[in-house]
PDB file of all heavy atoms in Angstrom:
ATOM      1  N   GLY A   1       0.789  -1.225  -0.001  1.00  0.00           N
ATOM      2  CA  GLY A   1       0.000   0.001   0.000  1.00  0.00           C
ATOM      3  C   GLY A   1       0.818   1.272  -0.001  1.00  0.00           C
ATOM      4  O   GLY A   1       0.260   2.371  -0.001  1.00  0.00           O
ATOM      5  N   TYR A   2       2.147   1.142  -0.033  1.00  0.00           N
ATOM      6  CA  TYR A   2       3.001   2.338  -0.016  1.00  0.00           C
ATOM      7  C   TYR A   2       2.854   3.132  -1.306  1.00  0.00           C
ATOM      8  O   TYR A   2       2.824   2.581  -2.399  1.00  0.00           O
ATOM      9  CB  TYR A   2       4.463   1.925   0.156  1.00  0.00           C
ATOM     10  CG  TYR A   2       5.452   3.059  -0.040  1.00  0.00           C
ATOM     11  CD1 TYR A   2       5.705   3.968   0.970  1.00  0.00           C
ATOM     12  CD2 TYR A   2       6.119   3.219  -1.263  1.00  0.00           C
ATOM     13  CE1 TYR A   2       6.607   5.009   0.794  1.00  0.00           C
ATOM     14  CE2 TYR A   2       7.036   4.246  -1.448  1.00  0.00           C
ATOM     15  CZ  TYR A   2       7.268   5.148  -0.412  1.00  0.00           C
ATOM     16  OH  TYR A   2       8.161   6.165  -0.605  1.00  0.00           O
ATOM     17  N   ARG A   3       2.770   4.438  -1.150  1.00  0.00           N
ATOM     18  CA  ARG A   3       2.804   5.346  -2.282  1.00  0.00           C
ATOM     19  C   ARG A   3       3.749   6.484  -1.929  1.00  0.00           C
ATOM     20  O   ARG A   3       3.587   7.127  -0.885  1.00  0.00           O
ATOM     21  CB  ARG A   3       1.407   5.917  -2.586  1.00  0.00           C
ATOM     22  CG  ARG A   3       0.384   4.883  -3.033  1.00  0.00           C
ATOM     23  CD  ARG A   3       0.711   4.322  -4.416  1.00  0.00           C
ATOM     24  NE  ARG A   3      -0.318   3.392  -4.869  1.00  0.00           N
ATOM     25  CZ  ARG A   3      -0.340   2.100  -4.579  1.00  0.00           C
ATOM     26  NH1 ARG A   3       0.606   1.573  -3.814  1.00  0.00           N
ATOM     27  NH2 ARG A   3      -1.303   1.326  -5.035  1.00  0.00           N
ATOM     28  N   PRO A   4       4.740   6.780  -2.749  1.00  0.00           N
ATOM     29  CA  PRO A   4       5.648   7.894  -2.434  1.00  0.00           C
ATOM     30  C   PRO A   4       4.900   9.212  -2.462  1.00  0.00           C
ATOM     31  O   PRO A   4       3.921   9.378  -3.201  1.00  0.00           O
ATOM     32  CB  PRO A   4       6.693   7.818  -3.548  1.00  0.00           C
ATOM     33  CG  PRO A   4       6.039   7.082  -4.658  1.00  0.00           C
ATOM     34  CD  PRO A   4       5.093   6.119  -4.017  1.00  0.00           C
ATOM     35  N   PRO A   5       5.331  10.176  -1.651  1.00  0.00           N
ATOM     36  CA  PRO A   5       4.696  11.498  -1.675  1.00  0.00           C
ATOM     37  C   PRO A   5       4.794  12.137  -3.057  1.00  0.00           C
ATOM     38  O   PRO A   5       5.638  11.767  -3.881  1.00  0.00           O
ATOM     39  CB  PRO A   5       5.506  12.300  -0.646  1.00  0.00           C
ATOM     40  CG  PRO A   5       6.144  11.270   0.231  1.00  0.00           C
ATOM     41  CD  PRO A   5       6.402  10.095  -0.657  1.00  0.00           C
ATOM     42  N   ALA A   6       3.932  13.099  -3.293  1.00  0.00           N
ATOM     43  CA  ALA A   6       3.926  13.785  -4.580  1.00  0.00           C
ATOM     44  C   ALA A   6       5.139  14.702  -4.700  1.00  0.00           C
ATOM     45  O   ALA A   6       5.712  15.141  -3.715  1.00  0.00           O
ATOM     46  CB  ALA A   6       2.632  14.596  -4.717  1.00  0.00           C
ATOM     47  N   GLY A   7       5.530  14.964  -5.939  1.00  0.00           N
ATOM     48  CA  GLY A   7       6.589  15.917  -6.203  1.00  0.00           C
ATOM     49  C   GLY A   7       7.974  15.406  -5.856  1.00  0.00           C
ATOM     50  O   GLY A   7       8.196  14.204  -5.664  1.00  0.00           O
ATOM     51  N   ALA A   8       8.909  16.332  -5.723  1.00  0.00           N
ATOM     52  CA  ALA A   8      10.304  15.973  -5.465  1.00  0.00           C
ATOM     53  C   ALA A   8      10.473  15.272  -4.124  1.00  0.00           C
ATOM     54  O   ALA A   8      11.388  14.457  -3.948  1.00  0.00           O
ATOM     55  CB  ALA A   8      11.172  17.229  -5.505  1.00  0.00           C
ATOM     56  N   GLU A   9       9.599  15.554  -3.173  1.00  0.00           N
ATOM     57  CA  GLU A   9       9.676  14.887  -1.869  1.00  0.00           C
ATOM     58  C   GLU A   9       9.554  13.373  -2.006  1.00  0.00           C
ATOM     59  O   GLU A   9      10.092  12.615  -1.198  1.00  0.00           O
ATOM     60  CB  GLU A   9       8.575  15.432  -0.950  1.00  0.00           C
ATOM     61  CG  GLU A   9       8.667  14.966   0.485  1.00  0.00           C
ATOM     62  CD  GLU A   9       7.521  15.490   1.331  1.00  0.00           C
ATOM     63  OE1 GLU A   9       6.965  16.565   1.016  1.00  0.00           O
ATOM     64  OE2 GLU A   9       7.173  14.812   2.311  1.00  0.00           O
ATOM     65  N   GLY A  10       8.867  12.937  -3.041  1.00  0.00           N
ATOM     66  CA  GLY A  10       8.698  11.505  -3.266  1.00  0.00           C
ATOM     67  C   GLY A  10       9.987  10.802  -3.646  1.00  0.00           C
ATOM     68  O   GLY A  10      10.052   9.564  -3.639  1.00  0.00           O
ATOM     69  N   GLU A  11      11.037  11.572  -3.984  1.00  0.00           N
ATOM     70  CA  GLU A  11      12.324  10.972  -4.326  1.00  0.00           C
ATOM     71  C   GLU A  11      13.184  10.697  -3.098  1.00  0.00           C
ATOM     72  O   GLU A  11      14.277  10.135  -3.214  1.00  0.00           O
ATOM     73  CB  GLU A  11      13.094  11.903  -5.277  1.00  0.00           C
ATOM     74  CG  GLU A  11      12.404  12.133  -6.615  1.00  0.00           C
ATOM     75  CD  GLU A  11      13.304  12.894  -7.578  1.00  0.00           C
ATOM     76  OE1 GLU A  11      14.391  12.385  -7.904  1.00  0.00           O
ATOM     77  OE2 GLU A  11      12.920  14.011  -7.985  1.00  0.00           O
ATOM     78  N   TYR A  12      12.721  11.080  -1.918  1.00  0.00           N
ATOM     79  CA  TYR A  12      13.527  10.957  -0.711  1.00  0.00           C
ATOM     80  C   TYR A  12      13.875   9.502  -0.420  1.00  0.00           C
ATOM     81  O   TYR A  12      15.024   9.163  -0.136  1.00  0.00           O
ATOM     82  CB  TYR A  12      12.774  11.573   0.471  1.00  0.00           C
ATOM     83  CG  TYR A  12      13.642  11.860   1.679  1.00  0.00           C
ATOM     84  CD1 TYR A  12      13.895  13.164   2.071  1.00  0.00           C
ATOM     85  CD2 TYR A  12      14.197  10.842   2.436  1.00  0.00           C
ATOM     86  CE1 TYR A  12      14.693  13.448   3.174  1.00  0.00           C
ATOM     87  CE2 TYR A  12      15.001  11.109   3.526  1.00  0.00           C
ATOM     88  CZ  TYR A  12      15.234  12.413   3.895  1.00  0.00           C
ATOM     89  OH  TYR A  12      16.035  12.671   4.985  1.00  0.00           O
ATOM     90  N   ASN A  13      12.893   8.611  -0.456  1.00  0.00           N
ATOM     91  CA  ASN A  13      13.109   7.200  -0.098  1.00  0.00           C
ATOM     92  C   ASN A  13      12.737   6.221  -1.195  1.00  0.00           C
ATOM     93  O   ASN A  13      13.457   5.261  -1.458  1.00  0.00           O
ATOM     94  CB  ASN A  13      12.309   6.853   1.173  1.00  0.00           C
ATOM     95  CG  ASN A  13      12.935   7.388   2.439  1.00  0.00           C
ATOM     96  OD1 ASN A  13      14.108   7.180   2.691  1.00  0.00           O
ATOM     97  ND2 ASN A  13      12.139   8.079   3.243  1.00  0.00           N
ATOM     98  N   GLY A  14      11.582   6.456  -1.823  1.00  0.00           N
ATOM     99  CA  GLY A  14      11.024   5.449  -2.711  1.00  0.00           C
ATOM    100  C   GLY A  14      11.919   5.059  -3.869  1.00  0.00           C
ATOM    101  O   GLY A  14      11.944   3.893  -4.286  1.00  0.00           O
ATOM    102  N   LYS A  15      12.697   5.988  -4.393  1.00  0.00           N
ATOM    103  CA  LYS A  15      13.502   5.699  -5.579  1.00  0.00           C
ATOM    104  C   LYS A  15      14.672   4.765  -5.287  1.00  0.00           C
ATOM    105  O   LYS A  15      15.335   4.291  -6.209  1.00  0.00           O
ATOM    106  CB  LYS A  15      14.008   7.009  -6.181  1.00  0.00           C
ATOM    107  CG  LYS A  15      15.030   7.741  -5.338  1.00  0.00           C
ATOM    108  CD  LYS A  15      15.331   9.134  -5.873  1.00  0.00           C
ATOM    109  CE  LYS A  15      15.944   9.102  -7.241  1.00  0.00           C
ATOM    110  NZ  LYS A  15      16.245  10.465  -7.753  1.00  0.00           N
ATOM    111  N   PHE A  16      14.955   4.504  -4.011  1.00  0.00           N
ATOM    112  CA  PHE A  16      16.081   3.637  -3.657  1.00  0.00           C
ATOM    113  C   PHE A  16      15.659   2.209  -3.324  1.00  0.00           C
ATOM    114  O   PHE A  16      16.465   1.423  -2.825  1.00  0.00           O
ATOM    115  CB  PHE A  16      16.836   4.236  -2.473  1.00  0.00           C
ATOM    116  CG  PHE A  16      17.438   5.577  -2.779  1.00  0.00           C
ATOM    117  CD1 PHE A  16      16.902   6.733  -2.243  1.00  0.00           C
ATOM    118  CD2 PHE A  16      18.521   5.684  -3.633  1.00  0.00           C
ATOM    119  CE1 PHE A  16      17.442   7.973  -2.540  1.00  0.00           C
ATOM    120  CE2 PHE A  16      19.075   6.915  -3.938  1.00  0.00           C
ATOM    121  CZ  PHE A  16      18.532   8.060  -3.392  1.00  0.00           C
ATOM    122  N   MET A  17      14.411   1.877  -3.580  1.00  0.00           N
ATOM    123  CA  MET A  17      13.910   0.555  -3.211  1.00  0.00           C
ATOM    124  C   MET A  17      14.301  -0.496  -4.238  1.00  0.00           C
ATOM    125  O   MET A  17      13.466  -1.136  -4.880  1.00  0.00           O
ATOM    126  CB  MET A  17      12.392   0.612  -2.995  1.00  0.00           C
ATOM    127  CG  MET A  17      12.020   1.429  -1.773  1.00  0.00           C
ATOM    128  SD  MET A  17      10.243   1.618  -1.537  1.00  0.00           S
ATOM    129  CE  MET A  17      10.183   2.470   0.044  1.00  0.00           C
ATOM    130  N   CYS A  18      15.603  -0.669  -4.379  1.00  0.00           N
ATOM    131  CA  CYS A  18      16.157  -1.647  -5.307  1.00  0.00           C
ATOM    132  C   CYS A  18      17.628  -1.866  -4.946  1.00  0.00           C
ATOM    133  O   CYS A  18      18.365  -0.901  -4.713  1.00  0.00           O
ATOM    134  CB  CYS A  18      16.038  -1.144  -6.746  1.00  0.00           C
ATOM    135  SG  CYS A  18      16.713  -2.253  -7.994  1.00  0.00           S
ATOM    136  N   ASN A  19      18.048  -3.124  -4.858  1.00  0.00           N
ATOM    137  CA  ASN A  19      19.454  -3.471  -4.634  1.00  0.00           C
ATOM    138  C   ASN A  19      20.016  -2.950  -3.307  1.00  0.00           C
ATOM    139  O   ASN A  19      21.195  -2.635  -3.202  1.00  0.00           O
ATOM    140  CB  ASN A  19      20.333  -2.962  -5.785  1.00  0.00           C
ATOM    141  CG  ASN A  19      19.924  -3.547  -7.122  1.00  0.00           C
ATOM    142  OD1 ASN A  19      19.457  -4.683  -7.200  1.00  0.00           O
ATOM    143  ND2 ASN A  19      20.083  -2.769  -8.176  1.00  0.00           N
ATOM    144  N   GLN A  20      19.162  -2.845  -2.304  1.00  0.00           N
ATOM    145  CA  GLN A  20      19.588  -2.402  -0.970  1.00  0.00           C
ATOM    146  C   GLN A  20      19.071  -3.397   0.067  1.00  0.00           C
ATOM    147  O   GLN A  20      18.060  -4.055  -0.137  1.00  0.00           O
ATOM    148  CB  GLN A  20      19.023  -1.010  -0.650  1.00  0.00           C
ATOM    149  CG  GLN A  20      19.084  -0.024  -1.782  1.00  0.00           C
ATOM    150  CD  GLN A  20      20.206   0.991  -1.644  1.00  0.00           C
ATOM    151  OE1 GLN A  20      20.960   0.965  -0.678  1.00  0.00           O
ATOM    152  NE2 GLN A  20      20.324   1.876  -2.610  1.00  0.00           N
ATOM    153  N   MET A  21      19.768  -3.454   1.206  1.00  0.00           N
ATOM    154  CA  MET A  21      19.337  -4.287   2.321  1.00  0.00           C
ATOM    155  C   MET A  21      18.999  -3.395   3.511  1.00  0.00           C
ATOM    156  O   MET A  21      19.587  -2.331   3.695  1.00  0.00           O
ATOM    157  CB  MET A  21      20.421  -5.295   2.702  1.00  0.00           C
ATOM    158  CG  MET A  21      20.855  -6.213   1.573  1.00  0.00           C
ATOM    159  SD  MET A  21      19.514  -7.220   0.861  1.00  0.00           S
ATOM    160  CE  MET A  21      19.136  -8.317   2.233  1.00  0.00           C
ATOM    161  N   VAL A  22      18.058  -3.850   4.346  1.00  0.00           N
ATOM    162  CA  VAL A  22      17.570  -3.057   5.469  1.00  0.00           C
ATOM    163  C   VAL A  22      18.431  -3.293   6.706  1.00  0.00           C
ATOM    164  O   VAL A  22      18.803  -4.429   7.021  1.00  0.00           O
ATOM    165  CB  VAL A  22      16.100  -3.400   5.785  1.00  0.00           C
ATOM    166  CG1 VAL A  22      15.637  -2.686   7.053  1.00  0.00           C
ATOM    167  CG2 VAL A  22      15.203  -3.029   4.612  1.00  0.00           C
ATOM    168  N   LEU A  23      18.740  -2.202   7.405  1.00  0.00           N
ATOM    169  CA  LEU A  23      19.391  -2.250   8.709  1.00  0.00           C
ATOM    170  C   LEU A  23      18.472  -1.607   9.738  1.00  0.00           C
ATOM    171  O   LEU A  23      17.707  -0.692   9.418  1.00  0.00           O
ATOM    172  CB  LEU A  23      20.730  -1.517   8.705  1.00  0.00           C
ATOM    173  CG  LEU A  23      21.776  -1.960   7.690  1.00  0.00           C
ATOM    174  CD1 LEU A  23      21.677  -1.128   6.413  1.00  0.00           C
ATOM    175  CD2 LEU A  23      23.182  -1.855   8.268  1.00  0.00           C
ATOM    176  N   ARG A  24      18.574  -2.071  10.968  1.00  0.00           N
ATOM    177  CA  ARG A  24      17.704  -1.560  12.025  1.00  0.00           C
ATOM    178  C   ARG A  24      18.519  -1.163  13.268  1.00  0.00           C
ATOM    179  O   ARG A  24      19.630  -1.642  13.481  1.00  0.00           O
ATOM    180  CB  ARG A  24      16.682  -2.630  12.421  1.00  0.00           C
ATOM    181  CG  ARG A  24      15.657  -3.013  11.351  1.00  0.00           C
ATOM    182  CD  ARG A  24      14.737  -1.846  11.005  1.00  0.00           C
ATOM    183  NE  ARG A  24      13.565  -2.278  10.269  1.00  0.00           N
ATOM    184  CZ  ARG A  24      12.319  -2.207  10.737  1.00  0.00           C
ATOM    185  NH1 ARG A  24      12.083  -1.716  11.948  1.00  0.00           N
ATOM    186  NH2 ARG A  24      11.296  -2.620  10.017  1.00  0.00           N
ATOM    187  N   GLY A  25      17.942  -0.284  14.083  1.00  0.00           N
ATOM    188  CA  GLY A  25      18.435  -0.059  15.423  1.00  0.00           C
ATOM    189  C   GLY A  25      19.308   1.145  15.687  1.00  0.00           C
ATOM    190  O   GLY A  25      19.509   1.528  16.826  1.00  0.00           O
ATOM    191  N   GLY A  26      19.900   1.760  14.662  1.00  0.00           N
ATOM    192  CA  GLY A  26      20.761   2.909  14.904  1.00  0.00           C
ATOM    193  C   GLY A  26      22.162   2.516  15.335  1.00  0.00           C
ATOM    194  O   GLY A  26      22.441   1.342  15.602  1.00  0.00           O
ATOM    195  N   SER A  27      23.045   3.499  15.406  1.00  0.00           N
ATOM    196  CA  SER A  27      24.436   3.244  15.760  1.00  0.00           C
ATOM    197  C   SER A  27      24.923   4.280  16.760  1.00  0.00           C
ATOM    198  O   SER A  27      24.172   5.174  17.172  1.00  0.00           O
ATOM    199  CB  SER A  27      25.318   3.283  14.507  1.00  0.00           C
ATOM    200  OG  SER A  27      25.642   4.615  14.153  1.00  0.00           O
ATOM    201  N   CYS A  28      26.196   4.161  17.106  1.00  0.00           N
ATOM    202  CA  CYS A  28      26.819   5.128  18.020  1.00  0.00           C
ATOM    203  C   CYS A  28      26.951   6.509  17.412  1.00  0.00           C
ATOM    204  O   CYS A  28      27.368   7.448  18.099  1.00  0.00           O
ATOM    205  CB  CYS A  28      28.191   4.611  18.450  1.00  0.00           C
ATOM    206  SG  CYS A  28      29.286   4.175  17.066  1.00  0.00           S
ATOM    207  N   ALA A  29      26.577   6.678  16.153  1.00  0.00           N
ATOM    208  CA  ALA A  29      26.610   7.990  15.502  1.00  0.00           C
ATOM    209  C   ALA A  29      25.216   8.468  15.104  1.00  0.00           C
ATOM    210  O   ALA A  29      25.077   9.470  14.401  1.00  0.00           O
ATOM    211  CB  ALA A  29      27.504   7.946  14.266  1.00  0.00           C
ATOM    212  N   THR A  30      24.167   7.777  15.559  1.00  0.00           N
ATOM    213  CA  THR A  30      22.796   8.150  15.245  1.00  0.00           C
ATOM    214  C   THR A  30      22.249   9.077  16.326  1.00  0.00           C
ATOM    215  O   THR A  30      22.353   8.753  17.517  1.00  0.00           O
ATOM    216  CB  THR A  30      21.894   6.901  15.174  1.00  0.00           C
ATOM    217  OG1 THR A  30      22.429   5.981  14.223  1.00  0.00           O
ATOM    218  CG2 THR A  30      20.479   7.280  14.765  1.00  0.00           C
ATOM    219  N   PRO A  31      21.672  10.230  15.991  1.00  0.00           N
ATOM    220  CA  PRO A  31      21.090  11.111  17.012  1.00  0.00           C
ATOM    221  C   PRO A  31      19.969  10.413  17.794  1.00  0.00           C
ATOM    222  O   PRO A  31      19.184   9.648  17.227  1.00  0.00           O
ATOM    223  CB  PRO A  31      20.550  12.288  16.198  1.00  0.00           C
ATOM    224  CG  PRO A  31      21.400  12.310  14.968  1.00  0.00           C
ATOM    225  CD  PRO A  31      21.663  10.862  14.664  1.00  0.00           C
ATOM    226  N   ARG A  32      19.913  10.692  19.077  1.00  0.00           N
ATOM    227  CA  ARG A  32      18.974   9.996  19.969  1.00  0.00           C
ATOM    228  C   ARG A  32      17.523  10.197  19.562  1.00  0.00           C
ATOM    229  O   ARG A  32      16.730   9.260  19.570  1.00  0.00           O
ATOM    230  CB  ARG A  32      19.195  10.481  21.409  1.00  0.00           C
ATOM    231  CG  ARG A  32      18.442   9.676  22.458  1.00  0.00           C
ATOM    232  CD  ARG A  32      18.814  10.117  23.875  1.00  0.00           C
ATOM    233  NE  ARG A  32      20.258  10.116  24.067  1.00  0.00           N
ATOM    234  CZ  ARG A  32      20.990   9.023  24.305  1.00  0.00           C
ATOM    235  NH1 ARG A  32      20.392   7.847  24.385  1.00  0.00           N
ATOM    236  NH2 ARG A  32      22.292   9.106  24.448  1.00  0.00           N
ATOM    237  N   SER A  33      17.148  11.425  19.213  1.00  0.00           N
ATOM    238  CA  SER A  33      15.745  11.694  18.886  1.00  0.00           C
ATOM    239  C   SER A  33      15.383  11.209  17.486  1.00  0.00           C
ATOM    240  O   SER A  33      14.231  11.353  17.059  1.00  0.00           O
ATOM    241  CB  SER A  33      15.462  13.196  19.001  1.00  0.00           C
ATOM    242  OG  SER A  33      16.234  13.924  18.057  1.00  0.00           O
ATOM    243  N   HIS A  34      16.337  10.644  16.782  1.00  0.00           N
ATOM    244  CA  HIS A  34      16.122  10.262  15.392  1.00  0.00           C
ATOM    245  C   HIS A  34      15.722   8.794  15.236  1.00  0.00           C
ATOM    246  O   HIS A  34      15.120   8.424  14.233  1.00  0.00           O
ATOM    247  CB  HIS A  34      17.407  10.523  14.605  1.00  0.00           C
ATOM    248  CG  HIS A  34      17.286  10.371  13.125  1.00  0.00           C
ATOM    249  ND1 HIS A  34      16.516  11.210  12.348  1.00  0.00           N
ATOM    250  CD2 HIS A  34      17.832   9.472  12.265  1.00  0.00           C
ATOM    251  CE1 HIS A  34      16.589  10.840  11.085  1.00  0.00           C
ATOM    252  NE2 HIS A  34      17.381   9.792  11.003  1.00  0.00           N
ATOM    253  N   ILE A  35      16.046   7.954  16.211  1.00  0.00           N
ATOM    254  CA  ILE A  35      15.879   6.518  16.041  1.00  0.00           C
ATOM    255  C   ILE A  35      14.601   6.021  16.729  1.00  0.00           C
ATOM    256  O   ILE A  35      14.147   6.609  17.713  1.00  0.00           O
ATOM    257  CB  ILE A  35      17.122   5.761  16.584  1.00  0.00           C
ATOM    258  CG1 ILE A  35      17.128   4.313  16.102  1.00  0.00           C
ATOM    259  CG2 ILE A  35      17.201   5.856  18.110  1.00  0.00           C
ATOM    260  CD1 ILE A  35      17.196   4.157  14.609  1.00  0.00           C
ATOM    261  N   ARG A  36      14.018   4.974  16.209  1.00  0.00           N
ATOM    262  CA  ARG A  36      12.816   4.347  16.753  1.00  0.00           C
ATOM    263  C   ARG A  36      12.740   2.938  16.203  1.00  0.00           C
ATOM    264  O   ARG A  36      13.440   2.581  15.247  1.00  0.00           O
ATOM    265  CB  ARG A  36      11.565   5.153  16.388  1.00  0.00           C
ATOM    266  CG  ARG A  36      11.423   5.372  14.906  1.00  0.00           C
ATOM    267  CD  ARG A  36      10.470   6.497  14.545  1.00  0.00           C
ATOM    268  NE  ARG A  36      10.728   6.906  13.141  1.00  0.00           N
ATOM    269  CZ  ARG A  36      11.566   7.868  12.801  1.00  0.00           C
ATOM    270  NH1 ARG A  36      12.216   8.543  13.736  1.00  0.00           N
ATOM    271  NH2 ARG A  36      11.776   8.162  11.537  1.00  0.00           N
ATOM    272  N   LYS A  37      11.849   2.114  16.754  1.00  0.00           N
ATOM    273  CA  LYS A  37      11.826   0.702  16.361  1.00  0.00           C
ATOM    274  C   LYS A  37      11.353   0.483  14.933  1.00  0.00           C
ATOM    275  O   LYS A  37      11.671  -0.539  14.320  1.00  0.00           O
ATOM    276  CB  LYS A  37      10.963  -0.118  17.340  1.00  0.00           C
ATOM    277  CG  LYS A  37       9.497   0.223  17.374  1.00  0.00           C
ATOM    278  CD  LYS A  37       8.768  -0.618  18.420  1.00  0.00           C
ATOM    279  CE  LYS A  37       7.318  -0.223  18.580  1.00  0.00           C
ATOM    280  NZ  LYS A  37       6.492  -0.461  17.395  1.00  0.00           N
ATOM    281  N   SER A  38      10.623   1.432  14.364  1.00  0.00           N
ATOM    282  CA  SER A  38      10.134   1.250  12.991  1.00  0.00           C
ATOM    283  C   SER A  38      11.081   1.825  11.942  1.00  0.00           C
ATOM    284  O   SER A  38      10.833   1.702  10.743  1.00  0.00           O
ATOM    285  CB  SER A  38       8.751   1.899  12.838  1.00  0.00           C
ATOM    286  OG  SER A  38       8.821   3.298  13.076  1.00  0.00           O
ATOM    287  N   TYR A  39      12.194   2.442  12.389  1.00  0.00           N
ATOM    288  CA  TYR A  39      13.119   3.127  11.469  1.00  0.00           C
ATOM    289  C   TYR A  39      13.803   2.115  10.558  1.00  0.00           C
ATOM    290  O   TYR A  39      14.363   1.122  11.018  1.00  0.00           O
ATOM    291  CB  TYR A  39      14.165   3.882  12.282  1.00  0.00           C
ATOM    292  CG  TYR A  39      14.991   4.871  11.475  1.00  0.00           C
ATOM    293  CD1 TYR A  39      14.767   6.241  11.601  1.00  0.00           C
ATOM    294  CD2 TYR A  39      15.986   4.451  10.610  1.00  0.00           C
ATOM    295  CE1 TYR A  39      15.520   7.157  10.883  1.00  0.00           C
ATOM    296  CE2 TYR A  39      16.747   5.359   9.887  1.00  0.00           C
ATOM    297  CZ  TYR A  39      16.504   6.710  10.031  1.00  0.00           C
ATOM    298  OH  TYR A  39      17.250   7.611   9.314  1.00  0.00           O
ATOM    299  N   ARG A  40      13.789   2.401   9.249  1.00  0.00           N
ATOM    300  CA  ARG A  40      14.403   1.518   8.256  1.00  0.00           C
ATOM    301  C   ARG A  40      15.576   2.224   7.581  1.00  0.00           C
ATOM    302  O   ARG A  40      15.374   3.121   6.770  1.00  0.00           O
ATOM    303  CB  ARG A  40      13.378   1.113   7.185  1.00  0.00           C
ATOM    304  CG  ARG A  40      12.087   0.520   7.729  1.00  0.00           C
ATOM    305  CD  ARG A  40      11.088   0.318   6.597  1.00  0.00           C
ATOM    306  NE  ARG A  40      11.401  -0.838   5.775  1.00  0.00           N
ATOM    307  CZ  ARG A  40      10.948  -1.026   4.532  1.00  0.00           C
ATOM    308  NH1 ARG A  40      10.206  -0.085   3.947  1.00  0.00           N
ATOM    309  NH2 ARG A  40      11.259  -2.122   3.870  1.00  0.00           N
ATOM    310  N   ASN A  41      16.784   1.819   7.918  1.00  0.00           N
ATOM    311  CA  ASN A  41      17.948   2.287   7.187  1.00  0.00           C
ATOM    312  C   ASN A  41      18.214   1.311   6.049  1.00  0.00           C
ATOM    313  O   ASN A  41      17.771   0.150   6.101  1.00  0.00           O
ATOM    314  CB  ASN A  41      19.165   2.389   8.109  1.00  0.00           C
ATOM    315  CG  ASN A  41      20.232   3.326   7.575  1.00  0.00           C
ATOM    316  OD1 ASN A  41      20.116   3.878   6.477  1.00  0.00           O
ATOM    317  ND2 ASN A  41      21.298   3.502   8.338  1.00  0.00           N
ATOM    318  N   PHE A  42      18.967   1.734   5.051  1.00  0.00           N
ATOM    319  CA  PHE A  42      19.206   0.839   3.910  1.00  0.00           C
ATOM    320  C   PHE A  42      20.503   1.219   3.224  1.00  0.00           C
ATOM    321  O   PHE A  42      20.843   2.394   3.094  1.00  0.00           O
ATOM    322  CB  PHE A  42      18.036   0.902   2.915  1.00  0.00           C
ATOM    323  CG  PHE A  42      17.673   2.300   2.481  1.00  0.00           C
ATOM    324  CD1 PHE A  42      18.243   2.865   1.345  1.00  0.00           C
ATOM    325  CD2 PHE A  42      16.760   3.049   3.202  1.00  0.00           C
ATOM    326  CE1 PHE A  42      17.908   4.156   0.936  1.00  0.00           C
ATOM    327  CE2 PHE A  42      16.414   4.353   2.809  1.00  0.00           C
ATOM    328  CZ  PHE A  42      16.992   4.898   1.669  1.00  0.00           C
ATOM    329  N   PHE A  43      21.237   0.195   2.816  1.00  0.00           N
ATOM    330  CA  PHE A  43      22.490   0.381   2.090  1.00  0.00           C
ATOM    331  C   PHE A  43      22.706  -0.802   1.162  1.00  0.00           C
ATOM    332  O   PHE A  43      22.165  -1.898   1.399  1.00  0.00           O
ATOM    333  CB  PHE A  43      23.685   0.500   3.048  1.00  0.00           C
ATOM    334  CG  PHE A  43      23.825   1.843   3.691  1.00  0.00           C
ATOM    335  CD1 PHE A  43      23.451   2.041   5.008  1.00  0.00           C
ATOM    336  CD2 PHE A  43      24.322   2.931   2.972  1.00  0.00           C
ATOM    337  CE1 PHE A  43      23.574   3.284   5.602  1.00  0.00           C
ATOM    338  CE2 PHE A  43      24.444   4.177   3.559  1.00  0.00           C
ATOM    339  CZ  PHE A  43      24.075   4.351   4.878  1.00  0.00           C
ATOM    340  N   PRO A  44      23.507  -0.628   0.116  1.00  0.00           N
ATOM    341  CA  PRO A  44      23.880  -1.777  -0.715  1.00  0.00           C
ATOM    342  C   PRO A  44      24.612  -2.823   0.127  1.00  0.00           C
ATOM    343  O   PRO A  44      25.269  -2.491   1.123  1.00  0.00           O
ATOM    344  CB  PRO A  44      24.814  -1.159  -1.766  1.00  0.00           C
ATOM    345  CG  PRO A  44      24.440   0.291  -1.803  1.00  0.00           C
ATOM    346  CD  PRO A  44      24.059   0.638  -0.408  1.00  0.00           C
TER     347      PRO A  44
END
């Protein structure tokens, strides 16, 4: 059911949904107010 937002904002995340793997949980360099259990990081 995901739909990217309209306009250029829609390029923030949706365009990278290919050839990447998901990471969870944050790191020692992640800001405290930025992380949560639903947060999806992604990298090749």
